[in-house]
Amino acid sequence: MVPESSEELALQLQAAFEARPYLLRPDFPFRIAARRIADACLNTADGDSRYWVACADADGVRHGARPVYVVRRLDGQIGVWDALTQDEGDILAHVLTELALGSATGGTRTPTGYPTGS
């Protein structure tokens, strides 16, 4: 991802998440998630891969009895979001990968792969 600013990336992420409300839990914080993920992508996430994955948190359980899936670059160790479910993590990883691949080709690639609901 090569956005001009974290605000630009946050807007792209928020739009992608809001386009899929039926795939994320009802209380998913679209705006907060987009801003935090954008900041983490640009400032703290490690690795150079344009591919993102959701993997089980190696530290164990951070949210009570619920598993946590960390969304991070395929070759990195520092994640950008702690998802409460694997589905949520997979969706976030998919959106980040699509945005990263779109910027790698110089285009604006819209995240795909999920039904549009129409």
PDB file of N, CA and C in Angstrom:
ATOM      1  N   MET A   1       0.834  -1.170   0.000  1.00  0.00           N
ATOM      2  CA  MET A   1       0.000   0.000   0.000  1.00  0.00           C
ATOM      3  C   MET A   1       0.879   1.234   0.000  1.00  0.00           C
ATOM      4  N   VAL A   2       0.606   2.126  -0.907  1.00  0.00           N
ATOM      5  CA  VAL A   2       1.381   3.349  -0.962  1.00  0.00           C
ATOM      6  C   VAL A   2       0.428   4.541  -0.972  1.00  0.00           C
ATOM      7  N   PRO A   3      -0.344   4.708   0.092  1.00  0.00           N
ATOM      8  CA  PRO A   3      -1.268   5.841   0.135  1.00  0.00           C
ATOM      9  C   PRO A   3      -0.509   7.114   0.456  1.00  0.00           C
ATOM     10  N   GLU A   4      -1.113   8.228   0.089  1.00  0.00           N
ATOM     11  CA  GLU A   4      -0.475   9.501   0.375  1.00  0.00           C
ATOM     12  C   GLU A   4      -0.524   9.838   1.853  1.00  0.00           C
ATOM     13  N   SER A   5      -1.508   9.303   2.554  1.00  0.00           N
ATOM     14  CA  SER A   5      -1.630   9.587   3.978  1.00  0.00           C
ATOM     15  C   SER A   5      -2.403   8.474   4.664  1.00  0.00           C
ATOM     16  N   SER A   6      -2.287   8.439   5.987  1.00  0.00           N
ATOM     17  CA  SER A   6      -3.058   7.441   6.722  1.00  0.00           C
ATOM     18  C   SER A   6      -4.550   7.750   6.624  1.00  0.00           C
ATOM     19  N   GLU A   7      -4.898   9.028   6.456  1.00  0.00           N
ATOM     20  CA  GLU A   7      -6.303   9.407   6.293  1.00  0.00           C
ATOM     21  C   GLU A   7      -6.874   8.814   5.006  1.00  0.00           C
ATOM     22  N   GLU A   8      -6.089   8.874   3.917  1.00  0.00           N
ATOM     23  CA  GLU A   8      -6.527   8.306   2.639  1.00  0.00           C
ATOM     24  C   GLU A   8      -6.731   6.798   2.768  1.00  0.00           C
ATOM     25  N   LEU A   9      -5.786   6.124   3.400  1.00  0.00           N
ATOM     26  CA  LEU A   9      -5.906   4.681   3.597  1.00  0.00           C
ATOM     27  C   LEU A   9      -7.095   4.360   4.503  1.00  0.00           C
ATOM     28  N   ALA A  10      -7.280   5.137   5.552  1.00  0.00           N
ATOM     29  CA  ALA A  10      -8.408   4.911   6.462  1.00  0.00           C
ATOM     30  C   ALA A  10      -9.736   5.038   5.720  1.00  0.00           C
ATOM     31  N   LEU A  11      -9.854   6.002   4.837  1.00  0.00           N
ATOM     32  CA  LEU A  11     -11.083   6.175   4.062  1.00  0.00           C
ATOM     33  C   LEU A  11     -11.318   4.989   3.126  1.00  0.00           C
ATOM     34  N   GLN A  12     -10.239   4.493   2.502  1.00  0.00           N
ATOM     35  CA  GLN A  12     -10.358   3.324   1.627  1.00  0.00           C
ATOM     36  C   GLN A  12     -10.810   2.104   2.424  1.00  0.00           C
ATOM     37  N   LEU A  13     -10.202   1.909   3.585  1.00  0.00           N
ATOM     38  CA  LEU A  13     -10.558   0.766   4.424  1.00  0.00           C
ATOM     39  C   LEU A  13     -11.991   0.870   4.922  1.00  0.00           C
ATOM     40  N   GLN A  14     -12.366   2.039   5.404  1.00  0.00           N
ATOM     41  CA  GLN A  14     -13.718   2.220   5.924  1.00  0.00           C
ATOM     42  C   GLN A  14     -14.746   1.936   4.834  1.00  0.00           C
ATOM     43  N   ALA A  15     -14.519   2.427   3.626  1.00  0.00           N
ATOM     44  CA  ALA A  15     -15.450   2.182   2.523  1.00  0.00           C
ATOM     45  C   ALA A  15     -15.554   0.688   2.213  1.00  0.00           C
ATOM     46  N   ALA A  16     -14.419   0.010   2.234  1.00  0.00           N
ATOM     47  CA  ALA A  16     -14.420  -1.432   1.954  1.00  0.00           C
ATOM     48  C   ALA A  16     -15.155  -2.200   3.044  1.00  0.00           C
ATOM     49  N   PHE A  17     -14.953  -1.832   4.302  1.00  0.00           N
ATOM     50  CA  PHE A  17     -15.636  -2.508   5.400  1.00  0.00           C
ATOM     51  C   PHE A  17     -17.139  -2.229   5.366  1.00  0.00           C
ATOM     52  N   GLU A  18     -17.511  -0.981   5.133  1.00  0.00           N
ATOM     53  CA  GLU A  18     -18.921  -0.620   5.123  1.00  0.00           C
ATOM     54  C   GLU A  18     -19.667  -1.263   3.958  1.00  0.00           C
ATOM     55  N   ALA A  19     -18.937  -1.633   2.908  1.00  0.00           N
ATOM     56  CA  ALA A  19     -19.558  -2.313   1.772  1.00  0.00           C
ATOM     57  C   ALA A  19     -19.891  -3.766   2.104  1.00  0.00           C
ATOM     58  N   ARG A  20     -19.399  -4.256   3.240  1.00  0.00           N
ATOM     59  CA  ARG A  20     -19.607  -5.648   3.639  1.00  0.00           C
ATOM     60  C   ARG A  20     -20.208  -5.775   5.042  1.00  0.00           C
ATOM     61  N   PRO A  21     -21.241  -5.023   5.383  1.00  0.00           N
ATOM     62  CA  PRO A  21     -21.766  -5.084   6.751  1.00  0.00           C
ATOM     63  C   PRO A  21     -22.329  -6.454   7.108  1.00  0.00           C
ATOM     64  N   TYR A  22     -22.751  -7.208   6.113  1.00  0.00           N
ATOM     65  CA  TYR A  22     -23.330  -8.525   6.345  1.00  0.00           C
ATOM     66  C   TYR A  22     -22.265  -9.581   6.629  1.00  0.00           C
ATOM     67  N   LEU A  23     -20.993  -9.261   6.421  1.00  0.00           N
ATOM     68  CA  LEU A  23     -19.921 -10.220   6.677  1.00  0.00           C
ATOM     69  C   LEU A  23     -19.219  -9.990   8.011  1.00  0.00           C
ATOM     70  N   LEU A  24     -19.400  -8.813   8.587  1.00  0.00           N
ATOM     71  CA  LEU A  24     -18.759  -8.483   9.855  1.00  0.00           C
ATOM     72  C   LEU A  24     -19.818  -8.457  10.950  1.00  0.00           C
ATOM     73  N   ARG A  25     -19.379  -8.630  12.184  1.00  0.00           N
ATOM     74  CA  ARG A  25     -20.351  -8.658  13.277  1.00  0.00           C
ATOM     75  C   ARG A  25     -21.081  -7.306  13.353  1.00  0.00           C
ATOM     76  N   PRO A  26     -22.307  -7.304  13.844  1.00  0.00           N
ATOM     77  CA  PRO A  26     -23.124  -6.089  13.849  1.00  0.00           C
ATOM     78  C   PRO A  26     -22.482  -4.905  14.575  1.00  0.00           C
ATOM     79  N   ASP A  27     -21.691  -5.180  15.603  1.00  0.00           N
ATOM     80  CA  ASP A  27     -21.079  -4.084  16.357  1.00  0.00           C
ATOM     81  C   ASP A  27     -19.655  -3.777  15.895  1.00  0.00           C
ATOM     82  N   PHE A  28     -19.274  -4.243  14.691  1.00  0.00           N
ATOM     83  CA  PHE A  28     -17.913  -3.990  14.206  1.00  0.00           C
ATOM     84  C   PHE A  28     -17.688  -2.486  14.049  1.00  0.00           C
ATOM     85  N   PRO A  29     -16.622  -1.952  14.645  1.00  0.00           N
ATOM     86  CA  PRO A  29     -16.372  -0.501  14.621  1.00  0.00           C
ATOM     87  C   PRO A  29     -15.677  -0.058  13.326  1.00  0.00           C
ATOM     88  N   PHE A  30     -16.441   0.107  12.246  1.00  0.00           N
ATOM     89  CA  PHE A  30     -15.873   0.412  10.933  1.00  0.00           C
ATOM     90  C   PHE A  30     -14.888   1.574  10.955  1.00  0.00           C
ATOM     91  N   ARG A  31     -15.317   2.721  11.461  1.00  0.00           N
ATOM     92  CA  ARG A  31     -14.477   3.923  11.423  1.00  0.00           C
ATOM     93  C   ARG A  31     -13.243   3.776  12.318  1.00  0.00           C
ATOM     94  N   ILE A  32     -13.437   3.297  13.536  1.00  0.00           N
ATOM     95  CA  ILE A  32     -12.313   3.125  14.461  1.00  0.00           C
ATOM     96  C   ILE A  32     -11.323   2.113  13.907  1.00  0.00           C
ATOM     97  N   ALA A  33     -11.842   1.000  13.401  1.00  0.00           N
ATOM     98  CA  ALA A  33     -10.973  -0.035  12.844  1.00  0.00           C
ATOM     99  C   ALA A  33     -10.166   0.513  11.673  1.00  0.00           C
ATOM    100  N   ALA A  34     -10.823   1.225  10.780  1.00  0.00           N
ATOM    101  CA  ALA A  34     -10.134   1.759   9.604  1.00  0.00           C
ATOM    102  C   ALA A  34      -8.995   2.691  10.000  1.00  0.00           C
ATOM    103  N   ARG A  35      -9.248   3.563  10.958  1.00  0.00           N
ATOM    104  CA  ARG A  35      -8.202   4.514  11.375  1.00  0.00           C
ATOM    105  C   ARG A  35      -7.041   3.807  12.082  1.00  0.00           C
ATOM    106  N   ARG A  36      -7.357   2.875  12.973  1.00  0.00           N
ATOM    107  CA  ARG A  36      -6.297   2.156  13.686  1.00  0.00           C
ATOM    108  C   ARG A  36      -5.474   1.284  12.754  1.00  0.00           C
ATOM    109  N   ILE A  37      -6.154   0.596  11.830  1.00  0.00           N
ATOM    110  CA  ILE A  37      -5.443  -0.269  10.899  1.00  0.00           C
ATOM    111  C   ILE A  37      -4.567   0.564   9.967  1.00  0.00           C
ATOM    112  N   ALA A  38      -5.080   1.684   9.472  1.00  0.00           N
ATOM    113  CA  ALA A  38      -4.290   2.549   8.591  1.00  0.00           C
ATOM    114  C   ALA A  38      -3.035   3.032   9.304  1.00  0.00           C
ATOM    115  N   ASP A  39      -3.201   3.480  10.541  1.00  0.00           N
ATOM    116  CA  ASP A  39      -2.048   3.950  11.309  1.00  0.00           C
ATOM    117  C   ASP A  39      -1.043   2.825  11.535  1.00  0.00           C
ATOM    118  N   ALA A  40      -1.532   1.654  11.903  1.00  0.00           N
ATOM    119  CA  ALA A  40      -0.642   0.524  12.148  1.00  0.00           C
ATOM    120  C   ALA A  40       0.057   0.081  10.868  1.00  0.00           C
ATOM    121  N   CYS A  41      -0.661   0.070   9.742  1.00  0.00           N
ATOM    122  CA  CYS A  41      -0.058  -0.330   8.468  1.00  0.00           C
ATOM    123  C   CYS A  41       1.107   0.577   8.108  1.00  0.00           C
ATOM    124  N   LEU A  42       0.925   1.856   8.322  1.00  0.00           N
ATOM    125  CA  LEU A  42       1.945   2.824   7.918  1.00  0.00           C
ATOM    126  C   LEU A  42       3.056   3.004   8.949  1.00  0.00           C
ATOM    127  N   ASN A  43       2.769   2.718  10.215  1.00  0.00           N
ATOM    128  CA  ASN A  43       3.743   3.047  11.252  1.00  0.00           C
ATOM    129  C   ASN A  43       4.323   1.883  12.050  1.00  0.00           C
ATOM    130  N   THR A  44       3.612   0.768  12.154  1.00  0.00           N
ATOM    131  CA  THR A  44       4.139  -0.279  13.031  1.00  0.00           C
ATOM    132  C   THR A  44       4.212  -1.669  12.417  1.00  0.00           C
ATOM    133  N   ALA A  45       3.385  -1.978  11.424  1.00  0.00           N
ATOM    134  CA  ALA A  45       3.389  -3.338  10.868  1.00  0.00           C
ATOM    135  C   ALA A  45       4.741  -3.619  10.207  1.00  0.00           C
ATOM    136  N   ASP A  46       5.227  -4.834  10.412  1.00  0.00           N
ATOM    137  CA  ASP A  46       6.509  -5.189   9.812  1.00  0.00           C
ATOM    138  C   ASP A  46       6.292  -6.106   8.610  1.00  0.00           C
ATOM    139  N   GLY A  47       7.371  -6.386   7.896  1.00  0.00           N
ATOM    140  CA  GLY A  47       7.308  -7.222   6.708  1.00  0.00           C
ATOM    141  C   GLY A  47       7.106  -6.381   5.464  1.00  0.00           C
ATOM    142  N   ASP A  48       7.427  -6.966   4.309  1.00  0.00           N
ATOM    143  CA  ASP A  48       7.301  -6.258   3.039  1.00  0.00           C
ATOM    144  C   ASP A  48       6.226  -6.845   2.137  1.00  0.00           C
ATOM    145  N   SER A  49       5.634  -7.952   2.539  1.00  0.00           N
ATOM    146  CA  SER A  49       4.650  -8.622   1.706  1.00  0.00           C
ATOM    147  C   SER A  49       3.416  -7.757   1.480  1.00  0.00           C
ATOM    148  N   ARG A  50       2.841  -7.880   0.297  1.00  0.00           N
ATOM    149  CA  ARG A  50       1.577  -7.190   0.021  1.00  0.00           C
ATOM    150  C   ARG A  50       0.401  -8.079   0.400  1.00  0.00           C
ATOM    151  N   TYR A  51       0.697  -9.292   0.833  1.00  0.00           N
ATOM    152  CA  TYR A  51      -0.358 -10.235   1.202  1.00  0.00           C
ATOM    153  C   TYR A  51      -0.548 -10.234   2.705  1.00  0.00           C
ATOM    154  N   TRP A  52      -1.805 -10.240   3.128  1.00  0.00           N
ATOM    155  CA  TRP A  52      -2.160 -10.187   4.536  1.00  0.00           C
ATOM    156  C   TRP A  52      -2.867 -11.469   4.934  1.00  0.00           C
ATOM    157  N   VAL A  53      -2.681 -11.877   6.185  1.00  0.00           N
ATOM    158  CA  VAL A  53      -3.302 -13.100   6.698  1.00  0.00           C
ATOM    159  C   VAL A  53      -3.885 -12.839   8.081  1.00  0.00           C
ATOM    160  N   ALA A  54      -4.818 -13.686   8.455  1.00  0.00           N
ATOM    161  CA  ALA A  54      -5.342 -13.689   9.824  1.00  0.00           C
ATOM    162  C   ALA A  54      -4.891 -15.005  10.436  1.00  0.00           C
ATOM    163  N   CYS A  55      -4.168 -14.927  11.530  1.00  0.00           N
ATOM    164  CA  CYS A  55      -3.691 -16.149  12.164  1.00  0.00           C
ATOM    165  C   CYS A  55      -3.982 -16.086  13.661  1.00  0.00           C
ATOM    166  N   ALA A  56      -4.087 -17.259  14.252  1.00  0.00           N
ATOM    167  CA  ALA A  56      -4.369 -17.321  15.687  1.00  0.00           C
ATOM    168  C   ALA A  56      -3.266 -16.612  16.463  1.00  0.00           C
ATOM    169  N   ASP A  57      -3.659 -15.892  17.480  1.00  0.00           N
ATOM    170  CA  ASP A  57      -2.716 -15.155  18.320  1.00  0.00           C
ATOM    171  C   ASP A  57      -1.863 -16.128  19.117  1.00  0.00           C
ATOM    172  N   ALA A  58      -0.557 -16.048  18.931  1.00  0.00           N
ATOM    173  CA  ALA A  58       0.364 -16.956  19.618  1.00  0.00           C
ATOM    174  C   ALA A  58       0.409 -16.721  21.124  1.00  0.00           C
ATOM    175  N   ASP A  59      -0.018 -15.528  21.561  1.00  0.00           N
ATOM    176  CA  ASP A  59       0.009 -15.209  22.994  1.00  0.00           C
ATOM    177  C   ASP A  59      -1.135 -15.857  23.753  1.00  0.00           C
ATOM    178  N   GLY A  60      -2.035 -16.475  23.029  1.00  0.00           N
ATOM    179  CA  GLY A  60      -3.179 -17.096  23.700  1.00  0.00           C
ATOM    180  C   GLY A  60      -4.411 -16.229  23.620  1.00  0.00           C
ATOM    181  N   VAL A  61      -5.195 -16.279  24.653  1.00  0.00           N
ATOM    182  CA  VAL A  61      -6.483 -15.597  24.652  1.00  0.00           C
ATOM    183  C   VAL A  61      -6.350 -14.236  25.326  1.00  0.00           C
ATOM    184  N   ARG A  62      -6.783 -13.187  24.619  1.00  0.00           N
ATOM    185  CA  ARG A  62      -6.738 -11.841  25.177  1.00  0.00           C
ATOM    186  C   ARG A  62      -8.126 -11.301  25.492  1.00  0.00           C
ATOM    187  N   HIS A  63      -9.141 -11.920  24.959  1.00  0.00           N
ATOM    188  CA  HIS A  63     -10.503 -11.428  25.150  1.00  0.00           C
ATOM    189  C   HIS A  63     -11.348 -12.480  25.859  1.00  0.00           C
ATOM    190  N   GLY A  64     -11.018 -12.762  27.092  1.00  0.00           N
ATOM    191  CA  GLY A  64     -11.774 -13.754  27.841  1.00  0.00           C
ATOM    192  C   GLY A  64     -11.592 -15.135  27.233  1.00  0.00           C
ATOM    193  N   ALA A  65     -12.686 -15.821  27.015  1.00  0.00           N
ATOM    194  CA  ALA A  65     -12.624 -17.180  26.485  1.00  0.00           C
ATOM    195  C   ALA A  65     -12.651 -17.207  24.960  1.00  0.00           C
ATOM    196  N   ARG A  66     -12.732 -16.050  24.313  1.00  0.00           N
ATOM    197  CA  ARG A  66     -12.815 -16.007  22.854  1.00  0.00           C
ATOM    198  C   ARG A  66     -11.422 -15.999  22.231  1.00  0.00           C
ATOM    199  N   PRO A  67     -11.236 -16.734  21.151  1.00  0.00           N
ATOM    200  CA  PRO A  67      -9.944 -16.714  20.464  1.00  0.00           C
ATOM    201  C   PRO A  67      -9.728 -15.373  19.780  1.00  0.00           C
ATOM    202  N   VAL A  68      -8.497 -15.030  19.553  1.00  0.00           N
ATOM    203  CA  VAL A  68      -8.147 -13.788  18.872  1.00  0.00           C
ATOM    204  C   VAL A  68      -7.310 -14.145  17.650  1.00  0.00           C
ATOM    205  N   TYR A  69      -7.624 -13.519  16.533  1.00  0.00           N
ATOM    206  CA  TYR A  69      -6.880 -13.711  15.301  1.00  0.00           C
ATOM    207  C   TYR A  69      -6.207 -12.397  14.946  1.00  0.00           C
ATOM    208  N   VAL A  70      -4.905 -12.434  14.767  1.00  0.00           N
ATOM    209  CA  VAL A  70      -4.146 -11.236  14.469  1.00  0.00           C
ATOM    210  C   VAL A  70      -4.049 -11.085  12.956  1.00  0.00           C
ATOM    211  N   VAL A  71      -4.392  -9.906  12.451  1.00  0.00           N
ATOM    212  CA  VAL A  71      -4.257  -9.614  11.028  1.00  0.00           C
ATOM    213  C   VAL A  71      -2.892  -8.965  10.837  1.00  0.00           C
ATOM    214  N   ARG A  72      -2.048  -9.620  10.025  1.00  0.00           N
ATOM    215  CA  ARG A  72      -0.690  -9.117   9.812  1.00  0.00           C
ATOM    216  C   ARG A  72      -0.226  -9.451   8.407  1.00  0.00           C
ATOM    217  N   ARG A  73       0.880  -8.833   7.996  1.00  0.00           N
ATOM    218  CA  ARG A  73       1.458  -9.161   6.701  1.00  0.00           C
ATOM    219  C   ARG A  73       1.932 -10.609   6.726  1.00  0.00           C
ATOM    220  N   LEU A  74       1.891 -11.240   5.586  1.00  0.00           N
ATOM    221  CA  LEU A  74       2.247 -12.648   5.489  1.00  0.00           C
ATOM    222  C   LEU A  74       3.637 -12.925   6.051  1.00  0.00           C
ATOM    223  N   ASP A  75       4.582 -12.015   5.861  1.00  0.00           N
ATOM    224  CA  ASP A  75       5.949 -12.235   6.325  1.00  0.00           C
ATOM    225  C   ASP A  75       6.285 -11.446   7.590  1.00  0.00           C
ATOM    226  N   GLY A  76       5.284 -10.893   8.240  1.00  0.00           N
ATOM    227  CA  GLY A  76       5.537 -10.070   9.421  1.00  0.00           C
ATOM    228  C   GLY A  76       5.105 -10.739  10.708  1.00  0.00           C
ATOM    229  N   GLN A  77       5.507 -10.145  11.814  1.00  0.00           N
ATOM    230  CA  GLN A  77       5.141 -10.637  13.144  1.00  0.00           C
ATOM    231  C   GLN A  77       4.255  -9.653  13.892  1.00  0.00           C
ATOM    232  N   ILE A  78       4.312  -8.384  13.519  1.00  0.00           N
ATOM    233  CA  ILE A  78       3.533  -7.364  14.208  1.00  0.00           C
ATOM    234  C   ILE A  78       2.247  -7.120  13.436  1.00  0.00           C
ATOM    235  N   GLY A  79       1.119  -7.342  14.093  1.00  0.00           N
ATOM    236  CA  GLY A  79      -0.174  -7.233  13.432  1.00  0.00           C
ATOM    237  C   GLY A  79      -0.746  -5.834  13.468  1.00  0.00           C
ATOM    238  N   VAL A  80      -1.868  -5.676  12.770  1.00  0.00           N
ATOM    239  CA  VAL A  80      -2.537  -4.383  12.705  1.00  0.00           C
ATOM    240  C   VAL A  80      -3.914  -4.397  13.343  1.00  0.00           C
ATOM    241  N   TRP A  81      -4.451  -5.586  13.635  1.00  0.00           N
ATOM    242  CA  TRP A  81      -5.783  -5.634  14.225  1.00  0.00           C
ATOM    243  C   TRP A  81      -5.979  -6.973  14.902  1.00  0.00           C
ATOM    244  N   ASP A  82      -6.582  -6.981  16.086  1.00  0.00           N
ATOM    245  CA  ASP A  82      -6.936  -8.217  16.774  1.00  0.00           C
ATOM    246  C   ASP A  82      -8.403  -8.499  16.495  1.00  0.00           C
ATOM    247  N   ALA A  83      -8.660  -9.459  15.625  1.00  0.00           N
ATOM    248  CA  ALA A  83     -10.020  -9.836  15.272  1.00  0.00           C
ATOM    249  C   ALA A  83     -10.550 -10.837  16.290  1.00  0.00           C
ATOM    250  N   LEU A  84     -11.831 -10.739  16.595  1.00  0.00           N
ATOM    251  CA  LEU A  84     -12.417 -11.656  17.568  1.00  0.00           C
ATOM    252  C   LEU A  84     -12.782 -13.000  16.955  1.00  0.00           C
ATOM    253  N   THR A  85     -12.990 -13.034  15.649  1.00  0.00           N
ATOM    254  CA  THR A  85     -13.328 -14.292  14.997  1.00  0.00           C
ATOM    255  C   THR A  85     -12.414 -14.490  13.800  1.00  0.00           C
ATOM    256  N   GLN A  86     -12.259 -15.723  13.364  1.00  0.00           N
ATOM    257  CA  GLN A  86     -11.427 -15.984  12.201  1.00  0.00           C
ATOM    258  C   GLN A  86     -12.056 -15.375  10.953  1.00  0.00           C
ATOM    259  N   ASP A  87     -13.378 -15.422  10.833  1.00  0.00           N
ATOM    260  CA  ASP A  87     -14.041 -14.818   9.674  1.00  0.00           C
ATOM    261  C   ASP A  87     -13.748 -13.330   9.587  1.00  0.00           C
ATOM    262  N   GLU A  88     -13.850 -12.635  10.718  1.00  0.00           N
ATOM    263  CA  GLU A  88     -13.566 -11.197  10.736  1.00  0.00           C
ATOM    264  C   GLU A  88     -12.127 -10.951  10.314  1.00  0.00           C
ATOM    265  N   GLY A  89     -11.199 -11.719  10.862  1.00  0.00           N
ATOM    266  CA  GLY A  89      -9.791 -11.573  10.500  1.00  0.00           C
ATOM    267  C   GLY A  89      -9.551 -11.837   9.026  1.00  0.00           C
ATOM    268  N   ASP A  90     -10.200 -12.869   8.490  1.00  0.00           N
ATOM    269  CA  ASP A  90     -10.031 -13.208   7.071  1.00  0.00           C
ATOM    270  C   ASP A  90     -10.553 -12.087   6.168  1.00  0.00           C
ATOM    271  N   ILE A  91     -11.677 -11.492   6.536  1.00  0.00           N
ATOM    272  CA  ILE A  91     -12.229 -10.396   5.737  1.00  0.00           C
ATOM    273  C   ILE A  91     -11.286  -9.198   5.754  1.00  0.00           C
ATOM    274  N   LEU A  92     -10.778  -8.843   6.942  1.00  0.00           N
ATOM    275  CA  LEU A  92      -9.853  -7.712   7.038  1.00  0.00           C
ATOM    276  C   LEU A  92      -8.589  -7.983   6.230  1.00  0.00           C
ATOM    277  N   ALA A  93      -8.052  -9.200   6.330  1.00  0.00           N
ATOM    278  CA  ALA A  93      -6.845  -9.561   5.584  1.00  0.00           C
ATOM    279  C   ALA A  93      -7.116  -9.485   4.079  1.00  0.00           C
ATOM    280  N   HIS A  94      -8.285  -9.937   3.662  1.00  0.00           N
ATOM    281  CA  HIS A  94      -8.643  -9.903   2.242  1.00  0.00           C
ATOM    282  C   HIS A  94      -8.707  -8.460   1.727  1.00  0.00           C
ATOM    283  N   VAL A  95      -9.358  -7.593   2.475  1.00  0.00           N
ATOM    284  CA  VAL A  95      -9.475  -6.191   2.077  1.00  0.00           C
ATOM    285  C   VAL A  95      -8.093  -5.546   1.988  1.00  0.00           C
ATOM    286  N   LEU A  96      -7.238  -5.772   2.979  1.00  0.00           N
ATOM    287  CA  LEU A  96      -5.895  -5.188   2.955  1.00  0.00           C
ATOM    288  C   LEU A  96      -5.081  -5.706   1.777  1.00  0.00           C
ATOM    289  N   THR A  97      -5.201  -6.989   1.477  1.00  0.00           N
ATOM    290  CA  THR A  97      -4.475  -7.568   0.343  1.00  0.00           C
ATOM    291  C   THR A  97      -4.948  -6.945  -0.969  1.00  0.00           C
ATOM    292  N   GLU A  98      -6.260  -6.838  -1.138  1.00  0.00           N
ATOM    293  CA  GLU A  98      -6.792  -6.246  -2.364  1.00  0.00           C
ATOM    294  C   GLU A  98      -6.325  -4.804  -2.534  1.00  0.00           C
ATOM    295  N   LEU A  99      -6.350  -4.024  -1.466  1.00  0.00           N
ATOM    296  CA  LEU A  99      -5.891  -2.634  -1.557  1.00  0.00           C
ATOM    297  C   LEU A  99      -4.396  -2.578  -1.864  1.00  0.00           C
ATOM    298  N   ALA A 100      -3.612  -3.446  -1.237  1.00  0.00           N
ATOM    299  CA  ALA A 100      -2.168  -3.464  -1.466  1.00  0.00           C
ATOM    300  C   ALA A 100      -1.845  -3.870  -2.899  1.00  0.00           C
ATOM    301  N   LEU A 101      -2.530  -4.867  -3.419  1.00  0.00           N
ATOM    302  CA  LEU A 101      -2.282  -5.301  -4.785  1.00  0.00           C
ATOM    303  C   LEU A 101      -2.716  -4.248  -5.787  1.00  0.00           C
ATOM    304  N   GLY A 102      -3.780  -3.530  -5.482  1.00  0.00           N
ATOM    305  CA  GLY A 102      -4.235  -2.454  -6.358  1.00  0.00           C
ATOM    306  C   GLY A 102      -3.215  -1.346  -6.448  1.00  0.00           C
ATOM    307  N   SER A 103      -2.617  -0.967  -5.323  1.00  0.00           N
ATOM    308  CA  SER A 103      -1.621   0.107  -5.349  1.00  0.00           C
ATOM    309  C   SER A 103      -0.328  -0.372  -5.982  1.00  0.00           C
ATOM    310  N   ALA A 104      -0.048  -1.676  -5.940  1.00  0.00           N
ATOM    311  CA  ALA A 104       1.174  -2.209  -6.539  1.00  0.00           C
ATOM    312  C   ALA A 104       1.110  -2.125  -8.059  1.00  0.00           C
ATOM    313  N   THR A 105      -0.090  -2.167  -8.619  1.00  0.00           N
ATOM    314  CA  THR A 105      -0.239  -2.110 -10.066  1.00  0.00           C
ATOM    315  C   THR A 105      -0.553  -0.703 -10.552  1.00  0.00           C
ATOM    316  N   GLY A 106      -0.596   0.231  -9.611  1.00  0.00           N
ATOM    317  CA  GLY A 106      -0.846   1.617  -9.981  1.00  0.00           C
ATOM    318  C   GLY A 106      -2.316   1.941 -10.165  1.00  0.00           C
ATOM    319  N   GLY A 107      -3.174   0.975  -9.904  1.00  0.00           N
ATOM    320  CA  GLY A 107      -4.603   1.198 -10.086  1.00  0.00           C
ATOM    321  C   GLY A 107      -5.323   1.300  -8.764  1.00  0.00           C
ATOM    322  N   THR A 108      -6.588   1.466  -8.851  1.00  0.00           N
ATOM    323  CA  THR A 108      -7.415   1.466  -7.652  1.00  0.00           C
ATOM    324  C   THR A 108      -8.252   0.210  -7.707  1.00  0.00           C
ATOM    325  N   ARG A 109      -7.749  -0.824  -7.128  1.00  0.00           N
ATOM    326  CA  ARG A 109      -8.426  -2.110  -7.166  1.00  0.00           C
ATOM    327  C   ARG A 109      -9.413  -2.195  -6.025  1.00  0.00           C
ATOM    328  N   THR A 110     -10.650  -2.445  -6.351  1.00  0.00           N
ATOM    329  CA  THR A 110     -11.688  -2.566  -5.338  1.00  0.00           C
ATOM    330  C   THR A 110     -11.629  -3.942  -4.734  1.00  0.00           C
ATOM    331  N   PRO A 111     -11.705  -4.054  -3.409  1.00  0.00           N
ATOM    332  CA  PRO A 111     -11.730  -5.384  -2.790  1.00  0.00           C
ATOM    333  C   PRO A 111     -12.887  -6.204  -3.342  1.00  0.00           C
ATOM    334  N   THR A 112     -12.576  -7.446  -3.688  1.00  0.00           N
ATOM    335  CA  THR A 112     -13.576  -8.317  -4.309  1.00  0.00           C
ATOM    336  C   THR A 112     -13.651  -9.636  -3.564  1.00  0.00           C
ATOM    337  N   GLY A 113     -14.351 -10.568  -4.163  1.00  0.00           N
ATOM    338  CA  GLY A 113     -14.366 -11.910  -3.628  1.00  0.00           C
ATOM    339  C   GLY A 113     -15.539 -12.212  -2.722  1.00  0.00           C
ATOM    340  N   TYR A 114     -16.367 -11.253  -2.447  1.00  0.00           N
ATOM    341  CA  TYR A 114     -17.517 -11.472  -1.588  1.00  0.00           C
ATOM    342  C   TYR A 114     -18.752 -10.987  -2.328  1.00  0.00           C
ATOM    343  N   PRO A 115     -19.890 -11.606  -2.091  1.00  0.00           N
ATOM    344  CA  PRO A 115     -21.099 -11.179  -2.808  1.00  0.00           C
ATOM    345  C   PRO A 115     -21.472  -9.740  -2.471  1.00  0.00           C
ATOM    346  N   THR A 116     -22.035  -9.075  -3.436  1.00  0.00           N
ATOM    347  CA  THR A 116     -22.409  -7.678  -3.235  1.00  0.00           C
ATOM    348  C   THR A 116     -23.773  -7.539  -2.596  1.00  0.00           C
ATOM    349  N   GLY A 117     -24.516  -8.612  -2.503  1.00  0.00           N
ATOM    350  CA  GLY A 117     -25.830  -8.548  -1.887  1.00  0.00           C
ATOM    351  C   GLY A 117     -26.913  -8.107  -2.841  1.00  0.00           C
ATOM    352  N   SER A 118     -26.559  -7.909  -4.116  1.00  0.00           N
ATOM    353  CA  SER A 118     -27.592  -7.490  -5.081  1.00  0.00           C
ATOM    354  C   SER A 118     -28.073  -8.652  -5.900  1.00  0.00           C
TER     355      SER A 118
END
